[in-house]
Amino acid sequence: MQQDDKTRHEIRKIAYGLWIKDGQPEGRDREHWEAAKEIWAFRSHNHVLDDDDESSGTARKRRQKSDAA
């Protein structure tokens, strides 16, 4: 599956979940799709930040150990 197809598939799953959570209303598909795109972008961006947080967390632990010594 290409990246664009994978991205659309993930957004579609999020939008479907939002639609279900909202009681399956008719005529709000665009609203759910746009909200899903924002959620996907946020999650994707934070995934990258999570990797950075792990490395900075390791550095923080090292600093704490050296401060305690």
Protein backbone atom coordinates (compact mmCIF):
# COMPACT_ATOMS: atom_id res chain seq x y z
CA MET A 1 0.00 0.00 0.00
CA GLN A 2 1.41 3.39 -0.94
CA GLN A 3 1.86 6.09 1.71
CA ASP A 4 -1.03 8.20 0.38
CA ASP A 5 -3.32 5.17 0.38
CA LYS A 6 -2.20 4.25 3.89
CA THR A 7 -2.77 7.81 5.10
CA ARG A 8 -6.25 7.95 3.56
CA HIS A 9 -7.08 4.58 5.07
CA GLU A 10 -6.01 5.75 8.54
CA ILE A 11 -7.97 9.02 8.18
CA ARG A 12 -11.00 7.06 6.99
CA LYS A 13 -10.84 4.84 10.11
CA ILE A 14 -10.63 7.89 12.37
CA ALA A 15 -13.51 9.61 10.54
CA TYR A 16 -15.63 6.46 10.85
CA GLY A 17 -14.95 6.34 14.58
CA LEU A 18 -15.97 9.98 14.93
CA TRP A 19 -19.15 9.31 12.94
CA ILE A 20 -20.03 6.34 15.16
CA LYS A 21 -19.29 8.35 18.32
CA ASP A 22 -21.55 11.18 17.09
CA GLY A 23 -24.48 8.78 16.61
CA GLN A 24 -24.10 8.19 12.85
CA PRO A 25 -25.60 11.51 11.71
CA GLU A 26 -26.31 12.07 8.03
CA GLY A 27 -24.78 14.95 6.12
CA ARG A 28 -21.77 15.57 8.36
CA ASP A 29 -19.26 13.44 6.47
CA ARG A 30 -17.11 16.43 5.49
CA GLU A 31 -16.98 17.60 9.12
CA HIS A 32 -15.87 14.16 10.30
CA TRP A 33 -13.30 13.88 7.48
CA GLU A 34 -11.74 17.26 8.31
CA ALA A 35 -11.65 16.47 12.03
CA ALA A 36 -10.08 13.10 11.26
CA LYS A 37 -7.38 14.77 9.13
CA GLU A 38 -6.51 17.06 12.04
CA ILE A 39 -6.40 14.14 14.48
CA TRP A 40 -4.21 12.12 12.10
CA ALA A 41 -1.84 15.06 11.61
CA PHE A 42 -1.60 15.61 15.37
CA ARG A 43 -0.92 11.93 16.03
CA SER A 44 1.64 11.74 13.22
CA HIS A 45 3.44 14.84 14.43
CA ASN A 46 3.47 13.68 18.04
CA HIS A 47 4.85 10.31 17.03
CA VAL A 48 7.95 12.12 15.80
CA LEU A 49 8.06 14.18 18.98
CA ASP A 50 7.73 11.02 21.10
CA ASP A 51 10.98 9.73 19.61
CA ASP A 52 12.69 12.99 20.54
CA ASP A 53 11.19 12.91 24.02
CA GLU A 54 12.68 9.47 24.64
CA SER A 55 16.16 10.64 23.78
CA SER A 56 15.83 13.79 25.89
CA GLY A 57 14.39 11.69 28.71
CA THR A 58 17.49 9.51 28.62
CA ALA A 59 19.69 12.59 28.83
CA ARG A 60 17.59 13.87 31.74
CA LYS A 61 18.05 10.55 33.61
CA ARG A 62 21.80 10.75 33.09
CA ARG A 63 21.83 14.29 34.48
CA GLN A 64 19.80 13.22 37.50
CA LYS A 65 22.21 10.36 38.21
CA SER A 66 25.24 12.66 37.97
CA ASP A 67 23.56 15.25 40.19
CA ALA A 68 22.79 12.61 42.80
CA ALA A 69 26.40 11.37 42.86
